Amino acid sequence: MKLIKAFVRTTRLDDVAHALRSAGAPGIIVSRGHGIGYGYELFTFTLAPGEVGHAPEVAKVEVVCRERQVDGLVHAILAQGCTGCPGDGIVFVSPVETAVRIRSGETGIEALFAHADEQGGT
């Protein structure tokens, strides 16, 4: 299993989420925050408490998937997240050692896809 973690513009979030669904993502987690991207001068922003909210708002999209799905899901994020301007975001892919479904105790890939398989999904 792999974890795809993408930081995208909030204005592109709906399109990215729809593209991931169309590309077969079993599910996504979305959270919003404020980010200061790689490559910015460290002294451009002050990170004093109360001022972090002035940093640009970003959406973090996380997907745990089968290894064979990674390329398609990353492509979906890139295709819908790109505006061609600085600040479009970044994607990370990392291994997932295991997963445990809290309700049933299923582990590994079965924990991730049991519900989708029951409904004829991925």
Protein backbone atom coordinates (compact mmCIF):
# COMPACT_ATOMS: atom_id res chain seq x y z
CA MET A 1 0.00 0.00 0.00
CA LYS A 2 1.05 3.59 -0.58
CA LEU A 3 0.10 6.93 0.91
CA ILE A 4 -0.26 9.83 -1.50
CA LYS A 5 -0.21 13.19 0.25
CA ALA A 6 -0.81 16.22 -1.93
CA PHE A 7 -0.89 19.88 -1.03
CA VAL A 8 -2.98 21.80 -3.58
CA ARG A 9 -4.59 25.18 -4.01
CA THR A 10 -7.99 25.31 -2.31
CA THR A 11 -9.40 26.69 -5.55
CA ARG A 12 -8.43 23.42 -7.30
CA LEU A 13 -9.67 21.09 -4.55
CA ASP A 14 -13.05 20.17 -6.04
CA ASP A 15 -11.51 19.30 -9.40
CA VAL A 16 -8.73 17.28 -7.76
CA ALA A 17 -11.24 15.36 -5.60
CA HIS A 18 -13.45 14.54 -8.61
CA ALA A 19 -10.42 13.45 -10.64
CA LEU A 20 -9.25 11.15 -7.84
CA ARG A 21 -12.71 9.58 -7.59
CA SER A 22 -12.79 9.05 -11.37
CA ALA A 23 -9.28 7.54 -11.25
CA GLY A 24 -10.39 4.93 -8.71
CA ALA A 25 -9.27 6.34 -5.36
CA PRO A 26 -10.88 4.22 -2.63
CA GLY A 27 -11.42 7.33 -0.53
CA ILE A 28 -9.75 10.60 0.33
CA ILE A 29 -9.12 12.71 3.39
CA VAL A 30 -9.10 16.47 2.97
CA SER A 31 -7.91 19.03 5.46
CA ARG A 32 -7.22 22.71 5.10
CA GLY A 33 -4.36 24.68 6.49
CA HIS A 34 -1.89 27.40 5.76
CA GLY A 35 1.37 26.66 4.05
CA ILE A 36 4.61 28.28 3.17
CA GLY A 37 5.97 26.42 0.19
CA TYR A 38 9.41 25.12 -0.53
CA GLY A 39 11.61 27.72 -2.17
CA TYR A 40 10.22 30.75 -0.33
CA GLU A 41 12.62 32.96 1.54
CA LEU A 42 12.39 32.07 5.21
CA PHE A 43 12.29 35.70 6.24
CA THR A 44 9.42 36.60 3.91
CA PHE A 45 6.87 35.35 6.43
CA THR A 46 6.74 35.77 10.16
CA LEU A 47 5.38 32.69 11.86
CA ALA A 48 4.45 34.31 15.14
CA PRO A 49 1.32 32.86 16.74
CA GLY A 50 -1.71 34.55 15.29
CA GLU A 51 0.05 35.42 12.05
CA VAL A 52 0.28 31.94 10.52
CA GLY A 53 -3.24 32.48 9.23
CA HIS A 54 -1.84 35.09 6.84
CA ALA A 55 0.07 32.39 4.98
CA PRO A 56 -1.72 31.12 1.86
CA GLU A 57 -4.53 28.62 2.50
CA VAL A 58 -3.90 25.15 1.05
CA ALA A 59 -5.74 21.85 0.99
CA LYS A 60 -4.04 18.62 2.00
CA VAL A 61 -5.44 15.60 0.19
CA GLU A 62 -4.46 12.13 1.42
CA VAL A 63 -5.16 8.82 -0.30
CA VAL A 64 -4.07 5.33 0.74
CA CYS A 65 -4.13 3.03 -2.27
CA ARG A 66 -2.75 -0.09 -3.89
CA GLU A 67 0.75 0.34 -5.29
CA ARG A 68 -0.49 -0.19 -8.86
CA GLN A 69 -2.84 2.81 -8.50
CA VAL A 70 -0.17 5.36 -7.60
CA ASP A 71 0.75 6.57 -11.09
CA GLY A 72 -2.87 7.09 -12.14
CA LEU A 73 -3.83 8.90 -8.95
CA VAL A 74 -0.76 11.14 -9.01
CA HIS A 75 -1.48 11.95 -12.67
CA ALA A 76 -5.06 12.90 -11.72
CA ILE A 77 -3.77 15.26 -9.03
CA LEU A 78 -1.24 16.85 -11.38
CA ALA A 79 -3.74 17.24 -14.22
CA GLN A 80 -6.36 18.98 -12.09
CA GLY A 81 -4.14 20.75 -9.56
CA CYS A 82 -1.87 22.55 -12.00
CA THR A 83 -2.47 26.18 -12.88
CA GLY A 84 1.07 26.71 -14.14
CA CYS A 85 1.81 29.29 -11.45
CA PRO A 86 4.11 29.13 -8.42
CA GLY A 87 2.29 27.75 -5.42
CA ASP A 88 0.41 24.97 -7.24
CA GLY A 89 1.55 22.52 -4.57
CA ILE A 90 3.49 19.31 -4.16
CA VAL A 91 2.79 15.56 -4.02
CA PHE A 92 4.51 13.03 -1.76
CA VAL A 93 4.25 9.24 -2.05
CA SER A 94 5.32 7.00 0.81
CA PRO A 95 4.88 3.37 1.84
CA VAL A 96 2.19 2.26 4.27
CA GLU A 97 3.21 -0.66 6.47
CA THR A 98 -0.27 -1.79 7.44
CA ALA A 99 -3.85 -0.73 7.99
CA VAL A 100 -6.43 -1.98 10.48
CA ARG A 101 -10.14 -1.39 10.00
CA ILE A 102 -11.45 -0.37 13.42
CA ARG A 103 -14.96 -1.80 12.95
CA SER A 104 -13.99 -5.29 11.80
CA GLY A 105 -10.33 -5.73 12.71
CA GLU A 106 -9.42 -6.53 9.09
CA THR A 107 -5.79 -5.82 8.36
CA GLY A 108 -3.63 -5.00 5.37
CA ILE A 109 -5.13 -4.40 1.96
CA GLU A 110 -8.42 -6.02 3.03
CA ALA A 111 -8.92 -3.26 5.59
CA LEU A 112 -8.59 -0.65 2.89
CA PHE A 113 -10.72 -2.17 0.18
CA ALA A 114 -13.22 -4.48 1.91
CA HIS A 115 -16.06 -1.95 1.74
CA ALA A 116 -15.30 -0.94 -1.86
CA ASP A 117 -15.11 -4.60 -2.92
CA GLU A 118 -18.48 -5.34 -1.27
CA GLN A 119 -20.02 -2.59 -3.38
CA GLY A 120 -18.29 -3.64 -6.58
CA GLY A 121 -15.60 -0.95 -6.29
CA THR A 122 -11.86 -1.04 -6.73
